[in-house]
């Protein structure tokens, strides 16, 4: 009897060439036009793989191996409990749920289904101390640990942050501690700056470009913008601690429908205030929005133009200085995809798509009440995401379920060409009306994931055609 297992691959083309992605070897290779058309017939079920001369040709070269994946299970499942007991990497303390700003696009502004809103709830020192003790007791195998302070606006609880740092440094020996905080920058005073410098904090400040663009969203409750206060604080910081700011401070920019992207790019290009400081570009989360967002047409035009400049830079046709720093994520993604392809690493019998990290291990988020969550991006209002508490400890079964979300769509994942490049995590999936994950919920995300990967493969091949070094070969 013949081998009835599926051969899983994906055909695609650029304007110049025709290509195939082979899932078994995780390889992309160029094929002749006639071969491409035959493979398309196999892909669509119009021609049996065993009857295709093209399939047989490439099988002799180690490609197009019949599918050997029989189960979906995350490879880190067996070490999850050990790592949760001894190898926690980062503790994030929600020191308050309150904020002194009311930003239009904030995750806690009320525009997202199933998410909390700003509240006068604060973590007390006893809860923080217990969380720190729990974290230290469960990270004994790590030589370094990170502690993050999160809100709301965490600097509203600077008193608690100081107590936590004092307690940590009195409790820890032989372990390097790294402190991380994200702030809106309005409450930065000289004593806080001095404290951050003294304890080597990594500091992220939210800044959405020029005054007009920033103040369109990032406002105080009375409607006044926050730009002037933040910029004055940053200038003082740079004047007093220039090397620290250069090394340890970065800016977080959320591109949103309320801003003119062209003005944002121009501001970051010309501003002396943020010179030599890293900018991280973020977009608004589109999951669970109560209403659809609508960007200006100029936004899409500018993004396309900046993207084109980024591609020209990657192929050596444009100097890096002409590419907006807001496009750094595009560059990073292109480099990561380049590295992930063509390692000729064969797939295993048991696999799981990317996306889920080890819940609580990579980042343990503890909210004001002492409940545990996989990270600060998950909703505290949905029980599905809660993975324990200071009273209960870790709930390993729930952590394993979050790690193995691919099992909800096991057969689809087994047969999917995108299995090795899919990056769906539980937080990206819109849950059902009961607040639970289901097969249909996850399948809604699959099409988006496939489209993204196909675009990334297309991008890599076009870059190669124009001189970007990637091991794509005509076989």
Protein backbone atom coordinates (compact mmCIF):
# COMPACT_ATOMS: atom_id res chain seq x y z
CA UNK A 1 0.00 0.00 0.00
CA UNK A 2 1.12 3.54 -0.68
CA UNK A 3 1.80 6.20 1.90
CA UNK A 4 -1.48 8.10 2.40
CA UNK A 5 -0.02 10.75 4.66
CA UNK A 6 -0.38 14.31 3.43
CA UNK A 7 2.54 16.25 2.03
CA UNK A 8 2.22 19.72 3.48
CA UNK A 9 3.55 22.75 1.65
CA UNK A 10 2.55 26.23 0.51
CA UNK A 11 3.03 27.69 -2.96
CA UNK A 12 3.34 31.43 -3.55
CA UNK A 13 4.87 33.75 -6.10
CA UNK A 14 6.40 37.17 -6.47
CA UNK A 15 6.32 39.21 -9.67
CA UNK A 16 9.64 37.65 -10.59
CA UNK A 17 9.68 34.05 -9.37
CA UNK A 18 7.59 31.12 -8.13
CA UNK A 19 8.30 29.53 -4.75
CA UNK A 20 7.35 26.73 -2.39
CA UNK A 21 7.54 26.55 1.38
CA UNK A 22 8.09 22.97 2.59
CA UNK A 23 6.82 22.53 6.14
CA UNK A 24 8.75 19.34 6.93
CA UNK A 25 12.16 20.96 6.42
CA UNK A 26 11.03 24.55 7.06
CA UNK A 27 12.63 25.52 3.74
CA UNK A 28 11.66 27.96 1.00
CA UNK A 29 12.91 27.28 -2.50
CA UNK A 30 12.31 28.58 -5.99
CA UNK A 31 10.78 26.33 -8.65
CA UNK A 32 10.22 26.53 -12.40
CA UNK A 33 6.89 27.93 -13.60
CA UNK A 34 5.71 24.54 -14.89
CA UNK A 35 6.64 22.86 -11.61
CA UNK A 36 4.80 25.57 -9.72
CA UNK A 37 1.59 24.98 -11.69
CA UNK A 38 1.77 21.25 -11.03
CA UNK A 39 2.35 21.80 -7.33
CA UNK A 40 -0.62 24.15 -7.25
CA UNK A 41 -2.80 21.29 -8.53
CA UNK A 42 -1.48 19.02 -5.79
CA UNK A 43 -2.10 21.74 -3.22
CA UNK A 44 -5.71 22.19 -4.34
CA UNK A 45 -6.38 18.43 -4.44
CA UNK A 46 -6.68 18.30 -8.23
CA UNK A 47 -3.69 15.95 -8.54
CA UNK A 48 -2.65 13.21 -6.11
CA UNK A 49 0.81 13.80 -4.67
CA UNK A 50 1.92 10.26 -5.50
CA UNK A 51 1.14 10.92 -9.15
CA UNK A 52 3.20 14.11 -9.36
CA UNK A 53 6.63 13.86 -11.02
CA UNK A 54 7.56 17.19 -9.42
CA UNK A 55 6.86 15.84 -5.95
CA UNK A 56 8.98 12.75 -6.67
CA UNK A 57 11.82 14.91 -8.01
CA UNK A 58 12.08 17.00 -4.88
CA UNK A 59 11.54 14.04 -2.57
CA UNK A 60 14.81 12.66 -3.96
CA UNK A 61 16.42 15.88 -2.70
CA UNK A 62 15.05 15.48 0.83
CA UNK A 63 11.93 17.63 0.48
CA UNK A 64 8.19 16.96 0.49
CA UNK A 65 8.31 14.30 3.19
CA UNK A 66 4.87 12.92 4.11
CA UNK A 67 3.46 14.45 7.28
CA UNK A 68 4.79 12.78 10.44
CA UNK A 69 3.06 15.04 12.99
CA UNK A 70 0.60 12.94 14.99
CA UNK A 71 -0.14 15.16 18.00
CA UNK A 72 -0.14 18.77 19.13
CA UNK A 73 1.57 19.33 22.47
CA UNK A 74 3.86 22.16 23.50
CA UNK A 75 7.47 20.96 23.91
CA UNK A 76 7.80 22.87 27.19
CA UNK A 77 4.83 21.15 28.83
CA UNK A 78 6.95 18.58 30.65
CA UNK A 79 9.28 21.19 32.13
CA UNK A 80 6.60 23.76 32.96
CA UNK A 81 6.07 22.65 36.56
CA UNK A 82 9.81 22.51 37.25
CA UNK A 83 10.39 25.95 35.74
CA UNK A 84 7.42 27.37 37.64
CA UNK A 85 8.99 26.07 40.81
CA UNK A 86 12.55 27.22 40.27
CA UNK A 87 13.05 29.37 37.17
CA UNK A 88 10.70 32.37 37.14
CA UNK A 89 12.25 35.14 35.06
CA UNK A 90 10.31 38.33 35.75
CA UNK A 91 7.89 39.53 38.41
CA UNK A 92 5.52 42.35 37.45
CA UNK A 93 3.74 44.03 40.35
CA UNK A 94 0.55 45.95 39.66
CA UNK A 95 1.11 48.59 42.31
CA UNK A 96 -2.09 50.46 41.43
CA UNK A 97 -5.08 50.33 39.08
CA UNK A 98 -5.37 54.12 39.14
CA UNK A 99 -3.88 56.57 36.65
CA UNK A 100 -3.59 60.36 36.60
CA UNK A 101 -4.24 60.45 32.82
CA UNK A 102 -7.25 59.37 30.77
CA UNK A 103 -5.78 58.33 27.41
CA UNK A 104 -8.30 57.69 24.65
CA UNK A 105 -6.84 54.35 23.53
CA UNK A 106 -5.78 52.96 26.91
CA UNK A 107 -6.50 49.28 27.55
CA UNK A 108 -8.30 50.42 30.72
CA UNK A 109 -10.29 53.27 29.15
CA UNK A 110 -13.44 51.19 28.65
CA UNK A 111 -13.11 50.70 24.87
CA UNK A 112 -12.26 46.98 25.20
CA UNK A 113 -14.70 44.18 25.99
CA UNK A 114 -13.89 42.15 29.09
CA UNK A 115 -11.19 44.47 30.42
CA UNK A 116 -11.17 46.38 33.68
CA UNK A 117 -11.30 50.17 33.84
CA UNK A 118 -9.34 52.58 36.04
CA UNK A 119 -10.10 52.03 39.72
CA UNK A 120 -8.95 53.30 43.11
CA UNK A 121 -7.37 49.98 43.98
CA UNK A 122 -3.81 49.81 45.26
CA UNK A 123 -1.42 47.08 46.27
CA UNK A 124 -0.37 47.18 49.89
CA UNK A 125 3.16 46.42 51.01
CA UNK A 126 2.21 43.11 52.62
CA UNK A 127 0.85 41.84 49.28
CA UNK A 128 3.92 43.14 47.45
CA UNK A 129 6.21 41.51 50.02
CA UNK A 130 4.43 38.16 49.69
CA UNK A 131 4.65 38.37 45.89
CA UNK A 132 8.38 39.13 46.09
CA UNK A 133 8.94 36.24 48.52
CA UNK A 134 7.00 33.89 46.24
CA UNK A 135 8.99 35.04 43.21
CA UNK A 136 12.36 34.67 44.92
CA UNK A 137 11.46 31.22 46.23
CA UNK A 138 10.50 30.15 42.72
CA UNK A 139 13.51 31.57 40.86
CA UNK A 140 16.38 29.89 42.73
CA UNK A 141 17.97 28.49 39.56
CA UNK A 142 18.24 31.89 37.87
CA UNK A 143 21.33 34.04 38.34
CA UNK A 144 19.39 37.13 37.22
CA UNK A 145 15.84 38.26 37.87
CA UNK A 146 13.76 41.19 36.64
CA UNK A 147 11.22 43.12 38.72
CA UNK A 148 8.69 45.32 36.94
CA UNK A 149 6.32 47.93 38.36
CA UNK A 150 3.06 48.43 36.54
CA UNK A 151 -0.21 50.34 36.83
CA UNK A 152 -2.27 52.32 36.06
CA UNK A 153 0.47 54.85 36.56
CA UNK A 154 3.02 53.17 38.84
CA UNK A 155 4.62 56.43 40.00
CA UNK A 156 1.42 57.18 41.91
CA UNK A 157 2.80 54.53 44.28
CA UNK A 158 6.42 55.61 44.37
CA UNK A 159 6.35 55.04 48.12
CA UNK A 160 5.55 51.35 47.58
CA UNK A 161 8.14 51.02 44.80
CA UNK A 162 10.85 52.31 47.15
CA UNK A 163 9.80 49.86 49.88
CA UNK A 164 9.87 46.97 47.39
CA UNK A 165 13.36 47.85 46.15
CA UNK A 166 14.65 48.23 49.72
CA UNK A 167 13.13 44.88 50.65
CA UNK A 168 14.55 43.14 47.57
CA UNK A 169 18.06 44.45 48.12
CA UNK A 170 17.96 43.45 51.77
CA UNK A 171 16.66 39.96 50.89
CA UNK A 172 18.73 38.99 47.85
CA UNK A 173 22.33 37.84 47.78
CA UNK A 174 24.24 36.42 44.83
CA UNK A 175 21.55 37.30 42.27
CA UNK A 176 21.54 40.23 39.86
CA UNK A 177 18.32 42.24 40.00
CA UNK A 178 17.05 44.31 37.10
CA UNK A 179 14.29 46.86 37.71
CA UNK A 180 11.83 47.84 34.97
CA UNK A 181 9.08 50.46 34.94
CA UNK A 182 6.74 51.99 32.36
CA UNK A 183 5.43 55.48 33.13
CA UNK A 184 3.51 58.28 31.45
CA UNK A 185 6.29 60.64 32.57
CA UNK A 186 4.10 63.28 34.18
CA UNK A 187 5.20 62.49 37.76
CA UNK A 188 8.95 62.37 37.18
CA UNK A 189 10.57 64.50 39.87
CA UNK A 190 14.23 64.91 40.78
CA UNK A 191 13.99 62.52 43.72
CA UNK A 192 12.46 59.84 41.47
CA UNK A 193 15.11 60.42 38.80
CA UNK A 194 17.85 60.08 41.40
CA UNK A 195 16.28 56.87 42.73
CA UNK A 196 16.06 55.33 39.24
CA UNK A 197 19.68 56.20 38.51
CA UNK A 198 20.86 54.88 41.87
CA UNK A 199 19.12 51.52 41.33
CA UNK A 200 19.82 51.22 37.60
CA UNK A 201 16.18 51.10 36.48
CA UNK A 202 15.22 50.52 32.87
CA UNK A 203 12.64 53.22 32.20
CA UNK A 204 10.02 53.40 29.45
CA UNK A 205 8.16 56.68 28.93
CA UNK A 206 5.01 56.96 26.83
CA UNK A 207 5.31 59.71 24.21
CA UNK A 208 3.19 59.90 21.07
CA UNK A 209 5.17 62.38 18.99
CA UNK A 210 4.64 66.14 18.78
CA UNK A 211 2.51 68.17 21.18
CA UNK A 212 -0.55 68.19 18.94
CA UNK A 213 -0.44 64.45 18.24
CA UNK A 214 0.44 63.45 21.80
CA UNK A 215 -2.16 65.68 23.43
CA UNK A 216 -4.90 64.38 21.12
CA UNK A 217 -5.06 61.24 23.26
CA UNK A 218 -2.85 61.48 26.31
CA UNK A 219 -4.85 63.86 28.51
CA UNK A 220 -5.52 64.58 32.15
CA UNK A 221 -9.08 63.97 33.42
CA UNK A 222 -9.83 67.69 32.92
CA UNK A 223 -9.00 67.38 29.21
CA UNK A 224 -5.63 69.15 29.32
CA UNK A 225 -2.76 67.57 27.40
CA UNK A 226 0.29 66.09 29.11
CA UNK A 227 2.98 66.83 26.50
CA UNK A 228 4.53 69.96 28.00
CA UNK A 229 4.93 68.45 31.46
CA UNK A 230 6.50 65.28 30.09
CA UNK A 231 8.96 67.11 27.83
CA UNK A 232 10.04 69.42 30.65
CA UNK A 233 10.62 66.40 32.88
CA UNK A 234 12.64 64.63 30.18
CA UNK A 235 14.79 67.73 29.61
CA UNK A 236 15.58 67.92 33.33
CA UNK A 237 16.40 64.23 33.34
CA UNK A 238 18.76 64.57 30.38
CA UNK A 239 20.45 67.64 31.83
CA UNK A 240 21.14 65.97 35.15
CA UNK A 241 21.82 62.38 34.04
CA UNK A 242 22.64 62.42 30.29
CA UNK A 243 24.46 59.07 30.16
CA UNK A 244 21.78 57.30 32.17
CA UNK A 245 19.01 58.62 29.91
CA UNK A 246 20.94 57.60 26.81
CA UNK A 247 21.49 54.08 28.11
CA UNK A 248 18.40 53.27 30.17
CA UNK A 249 15.45 55.37 28.93
CA UNK A 250 13.33 54.55 25.91
CA UNK A 251 10.09 55.93 24.53
CA UNK A 252 6.91 53.96 23.87
CA UNK A 253 4.81 55.32 21.01
CA UNK A 254 1.31 54.06 20.31
CA UNK A 255 0.22 54.86 16.78
CA UNK A 256 -3.52 55.36 16.88
CA UNK A 257 -6.40 56.69 14.75
CA UNK A 258 -6.39 60.09 16.48
CA UNK A 259 -2.92 61.16 15.32
CA UNK A 260 -1.34 62.35 12.10
CA UNK A 261 1.39 59.79 11.53
CA UNK A 262 3.38 62.12 9.30
CA UNK A 263 3.68 64.67 12.10
CA UNK A 264 4.76 61.95 14.52
CA UNK A 265 7.52 60.76 12.20
CA UNK A 266 8.71 64.30 11.58
CA UNK A 267 8.84 65.01 15.29
CA UNK A 268 10.93 61.96 16.09
CA UNK A 269 13.20 62.74 13.15
CA UNK A 270 13.96 66.31 14.25
CA UNK A 271 13.54 66.38 18.04
CA UNK A 272 16.67 66.98 20.09
CA UNK A 273 14.90 65.89 23.26
CA UNK A 274 14.90 62.22 22.29
CA UNK A 275 18.14 62.17 20.34
CA UNK A 276 20.05 58.89 20.72
CA UNK A 277 17.18 57.35 22.64
CA UNK A 278 15.49 54.18 21.48
CA UNK A 279 11.87 54.43 20.36
CA UNK A 280 9.53 51.44 20.44
CA UNK A 281 6.56 51.58 18.10
CA UNK A 282 3.31 49.90 19.15
CA UNK A 283 -0.06 49.77 17.51
CA UNK A 284 -3.41 49.67 19.26
CA UNK A 285 -4.59 46.17 20.04
CA UNK A 286 -7.44 45.27 17.68
CA UNK A 287 -8.71 42.32 19.76
CA UNK A 288 -11.91 42.78 21.78
CA UNK A 289 -12.48 46.41 20.73
CA UNK A 290 -16.08 47.45 21.33
CA UNK A 291 -16.06 49.55 18.16
CA UNK A 292 -14.01 49.28 14.98
CA UNK A 293 -11.20 51.81 14.61
CA UNK A 294 -10.78 53.90 11.47
CA UNK A 295 -7.40 55.38 10.53
CA UNK A 296 -6.93 58.32 8.19
CA UNK A 297 -6.05 57.47 4.60
CA UNK A 298 -2.81 59.41 5.05
CA UNK A 299 -1.85 56.89 7.74
CA UNK A 300 -1.83 54.03 5.23
CA UNK A 301 0.00 56.08 2.61
CA UNK A 302 2.73 57.05 5.06
CA UNK A 303 3.07 53.51 6.40
CA UNK A 304 3.49 52.18 2.85
CA UNK A 305 6.11 54.82 2.06
CA UNK A 306 8.05 54.18 5.27
CA UNK A 307 7.84 50.45 4.66
CA UNK A 308 9.26 50.89 1.16
CA UNK A 309 12.17 52.90 2.58
CA UNK A 310 12.79 50.14 5.10
CA UNK A 311 13.00 47.53 2.34
CA UNK A 312 15.40 49.74 0.38
CA UNK A 313 17.58 49.98 3.48
CA UNK A 314 17.60 46.19 3.92
CA UNK A 315 18.84 45.64 0.36
CA UNK A 316 21.52 48.31 0.73
CA UNK A 317 19.92 50.97 -1.49
CA UNK A 318 19.21 53.50 1.26
CA UNK A 319 21.20 54.55 4.29
CA UNK A 320 19.76 53.68 7.68
CA UNK A 321 19.58 57.34 8.72
CA UNK A 322 16.72 57.89 6.26
CA UNK A 323 14.54 55.18 7.78
CA UNK A 324 12.18 56.13 10.57
CA UNK A 325 13.00 54.64 13.95
CA UNK A 326 9.32 53.82 14.24
CA UNK A 327 9.91 51.11 11.62
CA UNK A 328 12.42 49.23 13.78
CA UNK A 329 9.91 46.44 14.44
CA UNK A 330 9.68 45.81 10.69
CA UNK A 331 13.45 45.46 10.49
CA UNK A 332 13.52 43.18 13.53
CA UNK A 333 10.76 40.98 12.10
CA UNK A 334 12.56 40.65 8.76
CA UNK A 335 15.79 39.63 10.47
CA UNK A 336 14.01 37.10 12.71
CA UNK A 337 12.21 35.54 9.76
CA UNK A 338 15.44 35.38 7.79
CA UNK A 339 17.13 33.50 10.64
CA UNK A 340 14.22 31.10 11.13
CA UNK A 341 14.14 29.91 7.52
CA UNK A 342 16.45 27.45 5.84
CA UNK A 343 17.87 25.83 8.92
CA UNK A 344 16.72 22.54 7.34
CA UNK A 345 15.46 21.35 10.71
CA UNK A 346 12.97 18.57 10.24
CA UNK A 347 9.64 18.65 12.00
CA UNK A 348 8.90 16.24 14.86
CA UNK A 349 6.13 13.75 15.58
CA UNK A 350 4.73 15.97 18.34
CA UNK A 351 4.66 19.73 17.71
CA UNK A 352 2.95 22.94 18.77
CA UNK A 353 2.78 26.29 17.05
CA UNK A 354 4.66 29.28 18.44
CA UNK A 355 3.01 32.10 20.34
CA UNK A 356 2.40 30.78 23.85
CA UNK A 357 5.20 31.34 26.32
CA UNK A 358 5.39 29.44 29.60
CA UNK A 359 2.62 31.18 31.59
CA UNK A 360 3.94 32.78 34.74
CA UNK A 361 7.48 31.59 34.07
CA UNK A 362 8.58 34.19 31.56
CA UNK A 363 6.48 36.89 33.23
CA UNK A 364 4.48 36.55 36.42
CA UNK A 365 1.97 39.38 36.70
CA UNK A 366 0.55 39.86 40.20
CA UNK A 367 -2.37 42.27 40.48
CA UNK A 368 -3.34 44.43 43.45
CA UNK A 369 -5.37 41.57 44.96
CA UNK A 370 -2.52 39.05 44.72
CA UNK A 371 -3.90 37.07 41.78
CA UNK A 372 -1.50 35.60 39.19
CA UNK A 373 -1.71 36.13 35.43
CA UNK A 374 0.59 35.10 32.52
CA UNK A 375 1.47 38.73 31.77
CA UNK A 376 0.16 42.26 32.15
CA UNK A 377 -1.64 42.11 28.78
CA UNK A 378 -4.21 39.54 29.83
CA UNK A 379 -7.56 40.60 31.27
CA UNK A 380 -7.93 40.38 35.04
CA UNK A 381 -11.70 40.24 34.59
CA UNK A 382 -11.64 36.82 32.88
CA UNK A 383 -11.09 33.79 35.10
CA UNK A 384 -9.66 31.81 32.17
CA UNK A 385 -6.44 33.81 32.36
CA UNK A 386 -5.94 33.57 36.13
CA UNK A 387 -3.18 31.03 36.85
CA UNK A 388 -3.12 31.17 40.64
CA UNK A 389 -2.75 33.52 43.56
CA UNK A 390 -0.63 34.18 46.61
CA UNK A 391 -3.06 32.03 48.62
CA UNK A 392 -3.26 29.13 46.14
CA UNK A 393 0.16 29.21 44.53
CA UNK A 394 0.35 28.21 40.88
CA UNK A 395 -2.55 26.37 39.22
CA UNK A 396 -0.47 24.13 36.97
CA UNK A 397 -3.44 22.65 35.09
CA UNK A 398 -4.54 26.12 33.98
CA UNK A 399 -0.99 27.02 33.01
CA UNK A 400 -0.69 23.89 30.89
CA UNK A 401 -4.00 24.69 29.19
CA UNK A 402 -2.77 28.17 28.23
CA UNK A 403 0.51 26.74 26.97
CA UNK A 404 -1.28 24.13 24.83
CA UNK A 405 -3.96 26.20 23.12
CA UNK A 406 -3.09 24.40 19.87
CA UNK A 407 -4.91 21.35 21.22
CA UNK A 408 -8.21 23.16 20.70
CA UNK A 409 -7.57 22.90 16.96
CA UNK A 410 -5.36 19.81 17.00
CA UNK A 411 -6.33 18.25 13.67
CA UNK A 412 -6.25 21.60 11.88
CA UNK A 413 -2.77 22.30 13.31
CA UNK A 414 -1.50 18.83 12.35
CA UNK A 415 -2.46 19.50 8.73
CA UNK A 416 -1.57 23.22 8.61
CA UNK A 417 1.30 24.48 6.45
CA UNK A 418 1.76 27.39 8.90
CA UNK A 419 2.33 25.23 12.00
CA UNK A 420 5.99 26.22 12.35
CA UNK A 421 5.42 29.97 11.89
CA UNK A 422 2.09 30.53 13.62
CA UNK A 423 2.37 32.87 16.63
CA UNK A 424 -1.12 32.79 18.12
CA UNK A 425 -1.21 33.09 21.91
CA UNK A 426 -4.26 32.84 24.14
CA UNK A 427 -4.38 36.60 24.73
CA UNK A 428 -4.96 37.25 21.01
CA UNK A 429 -8.07 35.08 20.86
CA UNK A 430 -11.51 36.53 21.46
CA UNK A 431 -13.15 34.18 23.94
CA UNK A 432 -16.77 33.00 23.73
CA UNK A 433 -19.69 34.53 25.65
CA UNK A 434 -18.83 32.38 28.67
CA UNK A 435 -15.33 33.82 28.78
CA UNK A 436 -13.74 30.56 27.68
CA UNK A 437 -11.54 29.47 24.82
CA UNK A 438 -13.16 27.25 22.19
CA UNK A 439 -12.22 25.70 18.88
CA UNK A 440 -14.23 28.21 16.86
CA UNK A 441 -12.66 31.11 18.79
CA UNK A 442 -9.19 29.99 17.86
CA UNK A 443 -9.99 29.16 14.25
CA UNK A 444 -11.04 32.79 13.72
CA UNK A 445 -7.40 33.78 14.28
CA UNK A 446 -5.92 31.14 11.99
CA UNK A 447 -6.66 32.93 8.71
CA UNK A 448 -4.94 36.11 9.97
CA UNK A 449 -1.91 34.10 11.06
CA UNK A 450 -1.61 32.37 7.67
CA UNK A 451 -1.93 35.68 5.83
CA UNK A 452 0.81 37.19 7.97
CA UNK A 453 3.21 34.29 7.38
CA UNK A 454 2.54 34.22 3.64
CA UNK A 455 3.30 37.95 3.49
CA UNK A 456 6.53 37.44 5.45
CA UNK A 457 7.63 34.65 3.10
CA UNK A 458 6.81 36.85 0.13
CA UNK A 459 8.76 39.72 1.70
CA UNK A 460 11.83 37.56 2.30
CA UNK A 461 11.87 36.29 -1.28
CA UNK A 462 11.44 39.76 -2.79
CA UNK A 463 14.27 41.03 -0.59
CA UNK A 464 16.43 38.16 -1.82
CA UNK A 465 15.62 38.98 -5.43
CA UNK A 466 16.92 42.49 -4.84
CA UNK A 467 20.10 41.51 -3.03
CA UNK A 468 19.18 40.84 0.61
CA UNK A 469 21.18 37.80 1.69
CA UNK A 470 18.91 34.81 2.23
CA UNK A 471 19.59 31.20 1.34
CA UNK A 472 16.81 30.78 -1.20
CA UNK A 473 18.01 28.56 -4.01
CA UNK A 474 16.70 27.25 -7.30
CA UNK A 475 16.87 23.45 -7.02
